[in-house]
């Protein structure tokens, strides 16, 4: 009997210890959502589908998604610490990295193959007609590089035109008011410009590989939350596959979320880059790699005095967080 009591006492003590341990174990700390801001360009819209269809959550991460029309405001807010991640063009990323070197690109979301356009007033028939005219572009970023490439086709330089700093959404009204005679924009602002009588003068189809859109995160987020960022990438790529297989439903989700007409949601002129294409773009030995294109932008911005120095290009890209959605 004493032996039985001893066993019972030991069992009781173990039970009490287990209860005590369980009661003192702190609850799991819920991680805050990843805050990511994108502009309204079509290449960033898989994020809307990932959010609305629950792909981010299914992959294990909460995302707080913001869509911003003014790229300058978006980048200023990122610089101020409002967001963990940002969707922007490669050219704008290179400029931003000059003042915020502790950030890295984790994924290329698209290459524009005609979606970026220069629209012009009816009397501007050719690029050569721009000589002496006002040309609107978001100066100090990829937009300036794009229009500079366009001018080269007519043996013109930026000195031959009057470059005026305007964001893409301003171009239609600026054309109508004759503040400019041509300008760089994209949908949904392109459709507005065409309705007001402008026509397409030049497109990114003529600058293959130049305009890449990407998602970058600040270094602090990459170091402290790598699994969340991997989950974000998986959710995005899952949404891309879903959209390509369900175009009408995907367009409806985007149209409802952004409150824009569905007829401005065409994927024409945009190559949305999947996992395999990303792998190729992140290969430094690939002549069309993101590293080589980044160097073109870096050289341009330094030569034109937009920046004095840019971080080592190899430090700005992180393919370790890129992974297949499967």
C-alpha atoms as a PDB file:
ATOM      1  CA  UNK A   1       0.000   0.000   0.000  1.00  0.00           C
ATOM      2  CA  UNK A   2       2.744   2.581   0.860  1.00  0.00           C
ATOM      3  CA  UNK A   3       4.339   1.675  -2.477  1.00  0.00           C
ATOM      4  CA  UNK A   4       1.038   2.397  -4.263  1.00  0.00           C
ATOM      5  CA  UNK A   5       0.724   5.702  -2.432  1.00  0.00           C
ATOM      6  CA  UNK A   6       4.245   6.617  -3.516  1.00  0.00           C
ATOM      7  CA  UNK A   7       3.374   5.905  -7.177  1.00  0.00           C
ATOM      8  CA  UNK A   8       0.188   7.922  -6.861  1.00  0.00           C
ATOM      9  CA  UNK A   9       2.070  10.823  -5.268  1.00  0.00           C
ATOM     10  CA  UNK A  10       4.660  10.809  -8.056  1.00  0.00           C
ATOM     11  CA  UNK A  11       1.895  10.715 -10.696  1.00  0.00           C
ATOM     12  CA  UNK A  12       0.095  13.615  -8.991  1.00  0.00           C
ATOM     13  CA  UNK A  13       3.274  15.694  -8.837  1.00  0.00           C
ATOM     14  CA  UNK A  14       3.966  15.096 -12.536  1.00  0.00           C
ATOM     15  CA  UNK A  15       0.423  16.153 -13.428  1.00  0.00           C
ATOM     16  CA  UNK A  16       0.729  19.316 -11.357  1.00  0.00           C
ATOM     17  CA  UNK A  17       4.061  20.151 -12.984  1.00  0.00           C
ATOM     18  CA  UNK A  18       2.595  19.681 -16.465  1.00  0.00           C
ATOM     19  CA  UNK A  19      -0.352  21.918 -15.594  1.00  0.00           C
ATOM     20  CA  UNK A  20       2.004  24.533 -14.160  1.00  0.00           C
ATOM     21  CA  UNK A  21       4.208  24.452 -17.245  1.00  0.00           C
ATOM     22  CA  UNK A  22       1.244  24.770 -19.551  1.00  0.00           C
ATOM     23  CA  UNK A  23      -0.215  27.660 -17.606  1.00  0.00           C
ATOM     24  CA  UNK A  24       3.063  29.596 -17.611  1.00  0.00           C
ATOM     25  CA  UNK A  25       3.837  29.048 -21.314  1.00  0.00           C
ATOM     26  CA  UNK A  26       3.254  32.405 -23.012  1.00  0.00           C
ATOM     27  CA  UNK A  27       0.780  32.424 -25.892  1.00  0.00           C
ATOM     28  CA  UNK A  28       2.227  32.571 -29.396  1.00  0.00           C
ATOM     29  CA  UNK A  29       2.880  36.179 -30.401  1.00  0.00           C
ATOM     30  CA  UNK A  30       0.911  37.139 -33.504  1.00  0.00           C
ATOM     31  CA  UNK A  31       3.193  38.712 -36.051  1.00  0.00           C
ATOM     32  CA  UNK A  32       2.062  42.028 -37.502  1.00  0.00           C
ATOM     33  CA  UNK A  33       1.090  41.997 -41.172  1.00  0.00           C
ATOM     34  CA  UNK A  34       3.711  42.703 -43.806  1.00  0.00           C
ATOM     35  CA  UNK A  35       2.975  46.195 -45.054  1.00  0.00           C
ATOM     36  CA  UNK A  36       3.506  46.450 -48.808  1.00  0.00           C
ATOM     37  CA  UNK A  37       2.716  49.359 -51.133  1.00  0.00           C
ATOM     38  CA  UNK A  38       2.428  49.148 -54.921  1.00  0.00           C
ATOM     39  CA  UNK A  39       1.536  51.597 -57.646  1.00  0.00           C
ATOM     40  CA  UNK A  40      -1.554  50.852 -59.730  1.00  0.00           C
ATOM     41  CA  UNK A  41       0.317  49.431 -62.735  1.00  0.00           C
ATOM     42  CA  UNK A  42      -1.030  46.119 -64.032  1.00  0.00           C
ATOM     43  CA  UNK A  43       2.088  44.139 -63.083  1.00  0.00           C
ATOM     44  CA  UNK A  44       1.364  44.559 -59.378  1.00  0.00           C
ATOM     45  CA  UNK A  45      -2.232  43.385 -59.519  1.00  0.00           C
ATOM     46  CA  UNK A  46      -1.572  39.719 -58.692  1.00  0.00           C
ATOM     47  CA  UNK A  47      -1.195  41.010 -55.122  1.00  0.00           C
ATOM     48  CA  UNK A  48      -4.862  42.025 -55.136  1.00  0.00           C
ATOM     49  CA  UNK A  49      -5.883  38.547 -56.255  1.00  0.00           C
ATOM     50  CA  UNK A  50      -3.613  36.942 -53.648  1.00  0.00           C
ATOM     51  CA  UNK A  51      -5.244  39.093 -50.986  1.00  0.00           C
ATOM     52  CA  UNK A  52      -8.845  38.618 -52.129  1.00  0.00           C
ATOM     53  CA  UNK A  53      -8.521  34.867 -52.728  1.00  0.00           C
ATOM     54  CA  UNK A  54      -6.708  34.289 -49.434  1.00  0.00           C
ATOM     55  CA  UNK A  55      -3.475  33.022 -51.015  1.00  0.00           C
ATOM     56  CA  UNK A  56      -1.223  35.061 -48.714  1.00  0.00           C
ATOM     57  CA  UNK A  57      -2.943  33.691 -45.608  1.00  0.00           C
ATOM     58  CA  UNK A  58      -2.914  30.163 -46.994  1.00  0.00           C
ATOM     59  CA  UNK A  59       0.852  30.457 -47.395  1.00  0.00           C
ATOM     60  CA  UNK A  60       1.147  31.625 -43.776  1.00  0.00           C
ATOM     61  CA  UNK A  61       1.467  35.413 -43.840  1.00  0.00           C
ATOM     62  CA  UNK A  62      -0.839  38.355 -43.224  1.00  0.00           C
ATOM     63  CA  UNK A  63      -0.354  41.197 -45.686  1.00  0.00           C
ATOM     64  CA  UNK A  64      -1.533  44.792 -45.444  1.00  0.00           C
ATOM     65  CA  UNK A  65      -1.647  45.948 -49.057  1.00  0.00           C
ATOM     66  CA  UNK A  66      -1.761  49.557 -50.222  1.00  0.00           C
ATOM     67  CA  UNK A  67      -2.143  50.826 -53.779  1.00  0.00           C
ATOM     68  CA  UNK A  68      -0.797  54.310 -54.455  1.00  0.00           C
ATOM     69  CA  UNK A  69      -1.228  56.375 -57.625  1.00  0.00           C
ATOM     70  CA  UNK A  70       1.671  58.784 -57.037  1.00  0.00           C
ATOM     71  CA  UNK A  71       4.966  56.896 -57.202  1.00  0.00           C
ATOM     72  CA  UNK A  72       6.788  59.781 -55.522  1.00  0.00           C
ATOM     73  CA  UNK A  73       4.435  59.693 -52.521  1.00  0.00           C
ATOM     74  CA  UNK A  74       4.730  55.905 -52.278  1.00  0.00           C
ATOM     75  CA  UNK A  75       8.530  56.049 -52.221  1.00  0.00           C
ATOM     76  CA  UNK A  76       8.556  58.918 -49.710  1.00  0.00           C
ATOM     77  CA  UNK A  77       6.322  56.907 -47.380  1.00  0.00           C
ATOM     78  CA  UNK A  78       8.583  53.861 -47.771  1.00  0.00           C
ATOM     79  CA  UNK A  79      11.602  56.005 -46.923  1.00  0.00           C
ATOM     80  CA  UNK A  80       9.776  57.225 -43.826  1.00  0.00           C
ATOM     81  CA  UNK A  81       9.284  53.625 -42.638  1.00  0.00           C
ATOM     82  CA  UNK A  82       5.568  53.326 -43.388  1.00  0.00           C
ATOM     83  CA  UNK A  83       5.984  50.087 -45.390  1.00  0.00           C
ATOM     84  CA  UNK A  84       8.073  46.906 -45.127  1.00  0.00           C
ATOM     85  CA  UNK A  85       8.017  46.318 -48.864  1.00  0.00           C
ATOM     86  CA  UNK A  86       7.455  48.291 -52.011  1.00  0.00           C
ATOM     87  CA  UNK A  87       6.520  47.526 -55.612  1.00  0.00           C
ATOM     88  CA  UNK A  88       8.374  49.771 -58.041  1.00  0.00           C
ATOM     89  CA  UNK A  89      10.317  49.775 -61.278  1.00  0.00           C
ATOM     90  CA  UNK A  90      13.947  48.711 -61.430  1.00  0.00           C
ATOM     91  CA  UNK A  91      14.996  52.239 -62.370  1.00  0.00           C
ATOM     92  CA  UNK A  92      13.190  53.801 -59.411  1.00  0.00           C
ATOM     93  CA  UNK A  93      14.587  51.082 -57.147  1.00  0.00           C
ATOM     94  CA  UNK A  94      18.128  52.023 -58.185  1.00  0.00           C
ATOM     95  CA  UNK A  95      17.486  55.673 -57.340  1.00  0.00           C
ATOM     96  CA  UNK A  96      15.892  54.787 -53.989  1.00  0.00           C
ATOM     97  CA  UNK A  97      18.792  52.495 -53.078  1.00  0.00           C
ATOM     98  CA  UNK A  98      21.179  55.448 -53.321  1.00  0.00           C
ATOM     99  CA  UNK A  99      19.650  56.896 -50.144  1.00  0.00           C
ATOM    100  CA  UNK A 100      18.387  53.605 -48.671  1.00  0.00           C
ATOM    101  CA  UNK A 101      21.068  51.000 -49.397  1.00  0.00           C
ATOM    102  CA  UNK A 102      19.661  48.551 -46.823  1.00  0.00           C
ATOM    103  CA  UNK A 103      16.948  47.167 -49.106  1.00  0.00           C
ATOM    104  CA  UNK A 104      16.815  44.283 -51.557  1.00  0.00           C
ATOM    105  CA  UNK A 105      14.754  43.134 -54.515  1.00  0.00           C
ATOM    106  CA  UNK A 106      13.272  39.681 -53.880  1.00  0.00           C
ATOM    107  CA  UNK A 107      11.157  39.188 -57.024  1.00  0.00           C
ATOM    108  CA  UNK A 108      10.648  40.591 -60.517  1.00  0.00           C
ATOM    109  CA  UNK A 109       6.913  40.832 -61.223  1.00  0.00           C
ATOM    110  CA  UNK A 110       6.877  41.825 -64.882  1.00  0.00           C
ATOM    111  CA  UNK A 111       8.634  43.153 -67.932  1.00  0.00           C
ATOM    112  CA  UNK A 112       6.689  45.715 -69.906  1.00  0.00           C
ATOM    113  CA  UNK A 113       6.641  44.963 -73.611  1.00  0.00           C
ATOM    114  CA  UNK A 114       4.381  47.765 -74.789  1.00  0.00           C
ATOM    115  CA  UNK A 115       2.377  48.792 -71.708  1.00  0.00           C
ATOM    116  CA  UNK A 116       4.556  51.853 -71.027  1.00  0.00           C
ATOM    117  CA  UNK A 117       3.817  54.443 -73.697  1.00  0.00           C
ATOM    118  CA  UNK A 118       4.540  57.994 -74.738  1.00  0.00           C
ATOM    119  CA  UNK A 119       1.324  59.647 -75.874  1.00  0.00           C
ATOM    120  CA  UNK A 120       1.287  62.854 -77.870  1.00  0.00           C
ATOM    121  CA  UNK A 121      -1.000  65.554 -79.198  1.00  0.00           C
ATOM    122  CA  UNK A 122      -2.293  64.987 -82.758  1.00  0.00           C
ATOM    123  CA  UNK A 123       0.196  67.376 -84.392  1.00  0.00           C
ATOM    124  CA  UNK A 124       3.162  65.370 -83.052  1.00  0.00           C
ATOM    125  CA  UNK A 125       3.400  62.711 -85.754  1.00  0.00           C
ATOM    126  CA  UNK A 126       6.925  61.372 -85.104  1.00  0.00           C
ATOM    127  CA  UNK A 127       9.510  61.408 -82.328  1.00  0.00           C
ATOM    128  CA  UNK A 128      11.470  63.972 -84.376  1.00  0.00           C
ATOM    129  CA  UNK A 129       8.496  66.356 -84.063  1.00  0.00           C
ATOM    130  CA  UNK A 130       9.225  66.602 -80.321  1.00  0.00           C
ATOM    131  CA  UNK A 131      12.220  68.855 -80.923  1.00  0.00           C
ATOM    132  CA  UNK A 132      11.663  72.058 -78.984  1.00  0.00           C
ATOM    133  CA  UNK A 133       8.458  70.695 -77.415  1.00  0.00           C
ATOM    134  CA  UNK A 134       7.523  69.929 -73.804  1.00  0.00           C
ATOM    135  CA  UNK A 135       7.763  66.250 -72.866  1.00  0.00           C
ATOM    136  CA  UNK A 136       6.292  65.036 -69.584  1.00  0.00           C
ATOM    137  CA  UNK A 137       8.009  62.279 -67.590  1.00  0.00           C
ATOM    138  CA  UNK A 138       8.696  61.354 -63.980  1.00  0.00           C
ATOM    139  CA  UNK A 139      12.228  62.739 -64.017  1.00  0.00           C
ATOM    140  CA  UNK A 140      14.932  61.216 -61.866  1.00  0.00           C
ATOM    141  CA  UNK A 141      13.664  57.665 -62.337  1.00  0.00           C
ATOM    142  CA  UNK A 142      13.029  54.978 -64.939  1.00  0.00           C
ATOM    143  CA  UNK A 143      10.665  57.284 -66.845  1.00  0.00           C
ATOM    144  CA  UNK A 144      13.539  59.616 -67.709  1.00  0.00           C
ATOM    145  CA  UNK A 145      15.597  56.687 -69.014  1.00  0.00           C
ATOM    146  CA  UNK A 146      12.665  55.457 -71.113  1.00  0.00           C
ATOM    147  CA  UNK A 147      11.996  58.792 -72.825  1.00  0.00           C
ATOM    148  CA  UNK A 148      15.744  59.292 -73.351  1.00  0.00           C
ATOM    149  CA  UNK A 149      15.860  55.980 -75.220  1.00  0.00           C
ATOM    150  CA  UNK A 150      12.910  57.147 -77.314  1.00  0.00           C
ATOM    151  CA  UNK A 151      14.637  60.413 -78.222  1.00  0.00           C
ATOM    152  CA  UNK A 152      17.698  58.507 -79.400  1.00  0.00           C
ATOM    153  CA  UNK A 153      15.625  56.910 -82.170  1.00  0.00           C
ATOM    154  CA  UNK A 154      15.311  60.352 -83.773  1.00  0.00           C
ATOM    155  CA  UNK A 155      18.904  61.375 -82.987  1.00  0.00           C
ATOM    156  CA  UNK A 156      17.629  63.705 -80.268  1.00  0.00           C
ATOM    157  CA  UNK A 157      18.824  64.172 -76.691  1.00  0.00           C
ATOM    158  CA  UNK A 158      17.134  65.595 -73.624  1.00  0.00           C
ATOM    159  CA  UNK A 159      18.701  68.949 -74.546  1.00  0.00           C
ATOM    160  CA  UNK A 160      16.562  69.016 -77.705  1.00  0.00           C
ATOM    161  CA  UNK A 161      13.280  68.967 -75.756  1.00  0.00           C
ATOM    162  CA  UNK A 162      11.913  70.601 -72.650  1.00  0.00           C
ATOM    163  CA  UNK A 163      11.566  67.782 -70.102  1.00  0.00           C
ATOM    164  CA  UNK A 164       8.850  68.514 -67.543  1.00  0.00           C
ATOM    165  CA  UNK A 165       8.351  66.480 -64.349  1.00  0.00           C
ATOM    166  CA  UNK A 166       4.888  64.907 -64.191  1.00  0.00           C
ATOM    167  CA  UNK A 167       3.582  61.596 -62.842  1.00  0.00           C
ATOM    168  CA  UNK A 168       1.803  59.142 -65.142  1.00  0.00           C
ATOM    169  CA  UNK A 169      -1.708  59.963 -63.922  1.00  0.00           C
ATOM    170  CA  UNK A 170      -1.195  63.672 -64.696  1.00  0.00           C
ATOM    171  CA  UNK A 171      -0.347  63.178 -68.367  1.00  0.00           C
ATOM    172  CA  UNK A 172      -3.890  63.149 -69.881  1.00  0.00           C
ATOM    173  CA  UNK A 173      -4.943  66.461 -68.352  1.00  0.00           C
ATOM    174  CA  UNK A 174      -1.553  68.074 -68.973  1.00  0.00           C
ATOM    175  CA  UNK A 175      -1.849  67.190 -72.652  1.00  0.00           C
ATOM    176  CA  UNK A 176      -5.349  68.614 -72.815  1.00  0.00           C
ATOM    177  CA  UNK A 177      -4.256  71.874 -71.175  1.00  0.00           C
ATOM    178  CA  UNK A 178      -1.215  72.070 -73.500  1.00  0.00           C
ATOM    179  CA  UNK A 179       1.167  72.109 -70.524  1.00  0.00           C
ATOM    180  CA  UNK A 180       3.024  69.419 -72.472  1.00  0.00           C
ATOM    181  CA  UNK A 181       2.824  68.113 -76.012  1.00  0.00           C
ATOM    182  CA  UNK A 182       3.728  64.494 -75.153  1.00  0.00           C
ATOM    183  CA  UNK A 183       4.202  62.395 -72.030  1.00  0.00           C
ATOM    184  CA  UNK A 184       4.962  58.975 -70.587  1.00  0.00           C
ATOM    185  CA  UNK A 185       2.078  57.062 -69.014  1.00  0.00           C
ATOM    186  CA  UNK A 186       0.303  53.687 -68.779  1.00  0.00           C
ATOM    187  CA  UNK A 187      -3.156  52.247 -68.104  1.00  0.00           C
ATOM    188  CA  UNK A 188      -5.622  53.260 -66.824  1.00  0.00           C
ATOM    189  CA  UNK A 189      -4.346  56.767 -67.649  1.00  0.00           C
ATOM    190  CA  UNK A 190      -3.536  55.791 -71.242  1.00  0.00           C
ATOM    191  CA  UNK A 191      -7.216  55.167 -72.039  1.00  0.00           C
ATOM    192  CA  UNK A 192      -8.092  58.562 -70.615  1.00  0.00           C
ATOM    193  CA  UNK A 193      -5.454  60.267 -72.775  1.00  0.00           C
ATOM    194  CA  UNK A 194      -6.692  58.504 -75.907  1.00  0.00           C
ATOM    195  CA  UNK A 195     -10.286  59.569 -75.191  1.00  0.00           C
ATOM    196  CA  UNK A 196      -9.063  63.160 -74.974  1.00  0.00           C
ATOM    197  CA  UNK A 197      -7.553  62.959 -78.434  1.00  0.00           C
ATOM    198  CA  UNK A 198      -3.954  61.904 -77.838  1.00  0.00           C
ATOM    199  CA  UNK A 199      -2.292  59.099 -79.770  1.00  0.00           C
ATOM    200  CA  UNK A 200       0.471  56.608 -79.017  1.00  0.00           C
ATOM    201  CA  UNK A 201       3.864  57.783 -80.233  1.00  0.00           C
ATOM    202  CA  UNK A 202       6.222  55.195 -78.723  1.00  0.00           C
ATOM    203  CA  UNK A 203       5.968  52.095 -76.515  1.00  0.00           C
ATOM    204  CA  UNK A 204       8.172  49.895 -74.356  1.00  0.00           C
ATOM    205  CA  UNK A 205       7.897  47.222 -77.041  1.00  0.00           C
ATOM    206  CA  UNK A 206      10.714  49.187 -78.657  1.00  0.00           C
ATOM    207  CA  UNK A 207      12.916  48.954 -75.532  1.00  0.00           C
ATOM    208  CA  UNK A 208      12.966  45.198 -74.752  1.00  0.00           C
ATOM    209  CA  UNK A 209      14.277  44.332 -71.303  1.00  0.00           C
ATOM    210  CA  UNK A 210      14.543  47.942 -70.141  1.00  0.00           C
ATOM    211  CA  UNK A 211      11.491  48.279 -67.898  1.00  0.00           C
ATOM    212  CA  UNK A 212      11.236  45.659 -65.180  1.00  0.00           C
ATOM    213  CA  UNK A 213       8.856  45.949 -62.235  1.00  0.00           C
ATOM    214  CA  UNK A 214       9.786  44.331 -58.950  1.00  0.00           C
ATOM    215  CA  UNK A 215       9.089  43.972 -55.251  1.00  0.00           C
ATOM    216  CA  UNK A 216      11.735  44.985 -52.708  1.00  0.00           C
ATOM    217  CA  UNK A 217      11.841  44.840 -48.914  1.00  0.00           C
ATOM    218  CA  UNK A 218      13.833  46.813 -46.399  1.00  0.00           C
ATOM    219  CA  UNK A 219      16.773  44.899 -44.939  1.00  0.00           C
ATOM    220  CA  UNK A 220      15.320  44.842 -41.437  1.00  0.00           C
ATOM    221  CA  UNK A 221      12.244  42.938 -42.650  1.00  0.00           C
ATOM    222  CA  UNK A 222      14.363  40.485 -44.655  1.00  0.00           C
ATOM    223  CA  UNK A 223      16.578  39.713 -41.650  1.00  0.00           C
ATOM    224  CA  UNK A 224      13.784  39.402 -39.087  1.00  0.00           C
ATOM    225  CA  UNK A 225      10.987  37.872 -41.199  1.00  0.00           C
ATOM    226  CA  UNK A 226      12.481  35.798 -44.034  1.00  0.00           C
ATOM    227  CA  UNK A 227       9.794  33.108 -43.786  1.00  0.00           C
ATOM    228  CA  UNK A 228       7.024  35.699 -44.060  1.00  0.00           C
ATOM    229  CA  UNK A 229       8.614  37.189 -47.159  1.00  0.00           C
ATOM    230  CA  UNK A 230       9.012  33.731 -48.704  1.00  0.00           C
ATOM    231  CA  UNK A 231       5.316  33.135 -47.997  1.00  0.00           C
ATOM    232  CA  UNK A 232       4.506  36.495 -49.598  1.00  0.00           C
ATOM    233  CA  UNK A 233       6.391  35.499 -52.760  1.00  0.00           C
ATOM    234  CA  UNK A 234       4.642  32.105 -52.873  1.00  0.00           C
ATOM    235  CA  UNK A 235       1.231  33.751 -52.470  1.00  0.00           C
ATOM    236  CA  UNK A 236       1.990  36.245 -55.230  1.00  0.00           C
ATOM    237  CA  UNK A 237       3.114  33.549 -57.671  1.00  0.00           C
ATOM    238  CA  UNK A 238       0.076  31.433 -56.785  1.00  0.00           C
ATOM    239  CA  UNK A 239      -2.154  34.411 -57.600  1.00  0.00           C
ATOM    240  CA  UNK A 240      -0.348  34.926 -60.900  1.00  0.00           C
ATOM    241  CA  UNK A 241      -1.066  31.343 -61.954  1.00  0.00           C
ATOM    242  CA  UNK A 242      -4.670  31.700 -60.843  1.00  0.00           C
ATOM    243  CA  UNK A 243      -5.183  34.951 -62.769  1.00  0.00           C
ATOM    244  CA  UNK A 244      -3.739  33.534 -65.970  1.00  0.00           C
ATOM    245  CA  UNK A 245      -6.134  30.569 -65.692  1.00  0.00           C
ATOM    246  CA  UNK A 246      -9.143  32.692 -64.632  1.00  0.00           C
ATOM    247  CA  UNK A 247      -8.782  35.989 -66.478  1.00  0.00           C
ATOM    248  CA  UNK A 248     -12.372  37.206 -66.121  1.00  0.00           C
ATOM    249  CA  UNK A 249     -12.656  36.481 -62.404  1.00  0.00           C
ATOM    250  CA  UNK A 250      -9.240  37.987 -61.739  1.00  0.00           C
ATOM    251  CA  UNK A 251     -10.139  41.109 -63.687  1.00  0.00           C
ATOM    252  CA  UNK A 252     -13.391  41.436 -61.749  1.00  0.00           C
ATOM    253  CA  UNK A 253     -11.543  41.306 -58.424  1.00  0.00           C
ATOM    254  CA  UNK A 254      -9.039  43.927 -59.559  1.00  0.00           C
ATOM    255  CA  UNK A 255     -11.735  46.174 -61.048  1.00  0.00           C
ATOM    256  CA  UNK A 256     -13.771  46.063 -57.833  1.00  0.00           C
ATOM    257  CA  UNK A 257     -10.785  46.665 -55.536  1.00  0.00           C
ATOM    258  CA  UNK A 258      -9.222  49.537 -57.491  1.00  0.00           C
ATOM    259  CA  UNK A 259     -12.564  50.911 -58.714  1.00  0.00           C
ATOM    260  CA  UNK A 260     -11.342  51.102 -62.292  1.00  0.00           C
ATOM    261  CA  UNK A 261     -13.104  49.979 -65.500  1.00  0.00           C
ATOM    262  CA  UNK A 262     -12.466  46.373 -66.432  1.00  0.00           C
ATOM    263  CA  UNK A 263     -11.687  47.412 -70.031  1.00  0.00           C
ATOM    264  CA  UNK A 264      -8.438  49.006 -68.791  1.00  0.00           C
ATOM    265  CA  UNK A 265      -7.178  45.723 -67.319  1.00  0.00           C
ATOM    266  CA  UNK A 266      -5.657  44.207 -70.434  1.00  0.00           C
ATOM    267  CA  UNK A 267      -2.422  42.247 -69.980  1.00  0.00           C
ATOM    268  CA  UNK A 268      -1.371  43.230 -73.493  1.00  0.00           C
ATOM    269  CA  UNK A 269       2.114  44.704 -73.468  1.00  0.00           C
ATOM    270  CA  UNK A 270       3.050  43.111 -70.145  1.00  0.00           C
ATOM    271  CA  UNK A 271       4.875  39.858 -69.488  1.00  0.00           C
ATOM    272  CA  UNK A 272       4.066  38.798 -65.932  1.00  0.00           C
ATOM    273  CA  UNK A 273       7.152  36.903 -64.799  1.00  0.00           C
ATOM    274  CA  UNK A 274       6.659  33.508 -63.174  1.00  0.00           C
ATOM    275  CA  UNK A 275       9.023  31.503 -60.956  1.00  0.00           C
ATOM    276  CA  UNK A 276      11.108  30.076 -63.808  1.00  0.00           C
ATOM    277  CA  UNK A 277      11.513  33.479 -65.483  1.00  0.00           C
ATOM    278  CA  UNK A 278      12.572  34.972 -62.169  1.00  0.00           C
ATOM    279  CA  UNK A 279      15.214  32.308 -61.781  1.00  0.00           C
ATOM    280  CA  UNK A 280      16.675  33.286 -65.148  1.00  0.00           C
ATOM    281  CA  UNK A 281      16.584  36.998 -64.383  1.00  0.00           C
ATOM    282  CA  UNK A 282      18.497  36.438 -61.127  1.00  0.00           C
ATOM    283  CA  UNK A 283      21.274  34.471 -62.863  1.00  0.00           C
ATOM    284  CA  UNK A 284      24.259  36.799 -63.101  1.00  0.00           C
ATOM    285  CA  UNK A 285      25.616  34.838 -66.099  1.00  0.00           C
ATOM    286  CA  UNK A 286      22.478  35.586 -68.098  1.00  0.00           C
ATOM    287  CA  UNK A 287      23.173  38.536 -70.463  1.00  0.00           C
ATOM    288  CA  UNK A 288      19.589  39.721 -69.843  1.00  0.00           C
ATOM    289  CA  UNK A 289      19.877  39.407 -66.058  1.00  0.00           C
ATOM    290  CA  UNK A 290      18.526  42.001 -63.679  1.00  0.00           C
ATOM    291  CA  UNK A 291      22.117  42.777 -62.680  1.00  0.00           C
ATOM    292  CA  UNK A 292      23.051  43.921 -66.190  1.00  0.00           C
ATOM    293  CA  UNK A 293      19.911  46.020 -66.579  1.00  0.00           C
ATOM    294  CA  UNK A 294      20.479  47.544 -63.133  1.00  0.00           C
ATOM    295  CA  UNK A 295      23.974  48.591 -64.204  1.00  0.00           C
ATOM    296  CA  UNK A 296      22.525  50.428 -67.220  1.00  0.00           C
ATOM    297  CA  UNK A 297      20.309  52.448 -64.897  1.00  0.00           C
ATOM    298  CA  UNK A 298      23.120  53.060 -62.414  1.00  0.00           C
ATOM    299  CA  UNK A 299      25.424  54.334 -65.153  1.00  0.00           C
ATOM    300  CA  UNK A 300      22.703  56.644 -66.514  1.00  0.00           C
ATOM    301  CA  UNK A 301      21.792  58.127 -63.143  1.00  0.00           C
ATOM    302  CA  UNK A 302      25.403  58.752 -62.165  1.00  0.00           C
ATOM    303  CA  UNK A 303      26.225  60.225 -65.570  1.00  0.00           C
ATOM    304  CA  UNK A 304      23.254  62.606 -65.445  1.00  0.00           C
ATOM    305  CA  UNK A 305      23.901  63.592 -61.838  1.00  0.00           C
ATOM    306  CA  UNK A 306      20.682  62.139 -60.393  1.00  0.00           C
ATOM    307  CA  UNK A 307      22.843  60.376 -57.793  1.00  0.00           C
ATOM    308  CA  UNK A 308      26.512  60.517 -56.847  1.00  0.00           C
ATOM    309  CA  UNK A 309      26.909  56.844 -55.997  1.00  0.00           C
ATOM    310  CA  UNK A 310      24.864  53.630 -55.898  1.00  0.00           C
ATOM    311  CA  UNK A 311      25.546  50.562 -53.691  1.00  0.00           C
ATOM    312  CA  UNK A 312      27.294  47.540 -55.144  1.00  0.00           C
ATOM    313  CA  UNK A 313      24.695  46.061 -57.486  1.00  0.00           C
ATOM    314  CA  UNK A 314      25.230  42.508 -56.193  1.00  0.00           C
ATOM    315  CA  UNK A 315      24.070  43.592 -52.716  1.00  0.00           C
ATOM    316  CA  UNK A 316      20.717  44.887 -53.969  1.00  0.00           C
ATOM    317  CA  UNK A 317      19.208  41.592 -55.117  1.00  0.00           C
ATOM    318  CA  UNK A 318      18.297  38.564 -52.997  1.00  0.00           C
ATOM    319  CA  UNK A 319      17.129  35.454 -54.822  1.00  0.00           C
ATOM    320  CA  UNK A 320      17.184  33.297 -51.658  1.00  0.00           C
ATOM    321  CA  UNK A 321      13.618  34.392 -50.844  1.00  0.00           C
ATOM    322  CA  UNK A 322      12.299  33.431 -54.251  1.00  0.00           C
ATOM    323  CA  UNK A 323      10.502  30.095 -54.213  1.00  0.00           C
ATOM    324  CA  UNK A 324       7.901  28.187 -56.155  1.00  0.00           C
ATOM    325  CA  UNK A 325       4.256  28.461 -55.009  1.00  0.00           C
ATOM    326  CA  UNK A 326       3.868  24.662 -55.039  1.00  0.00           C
END
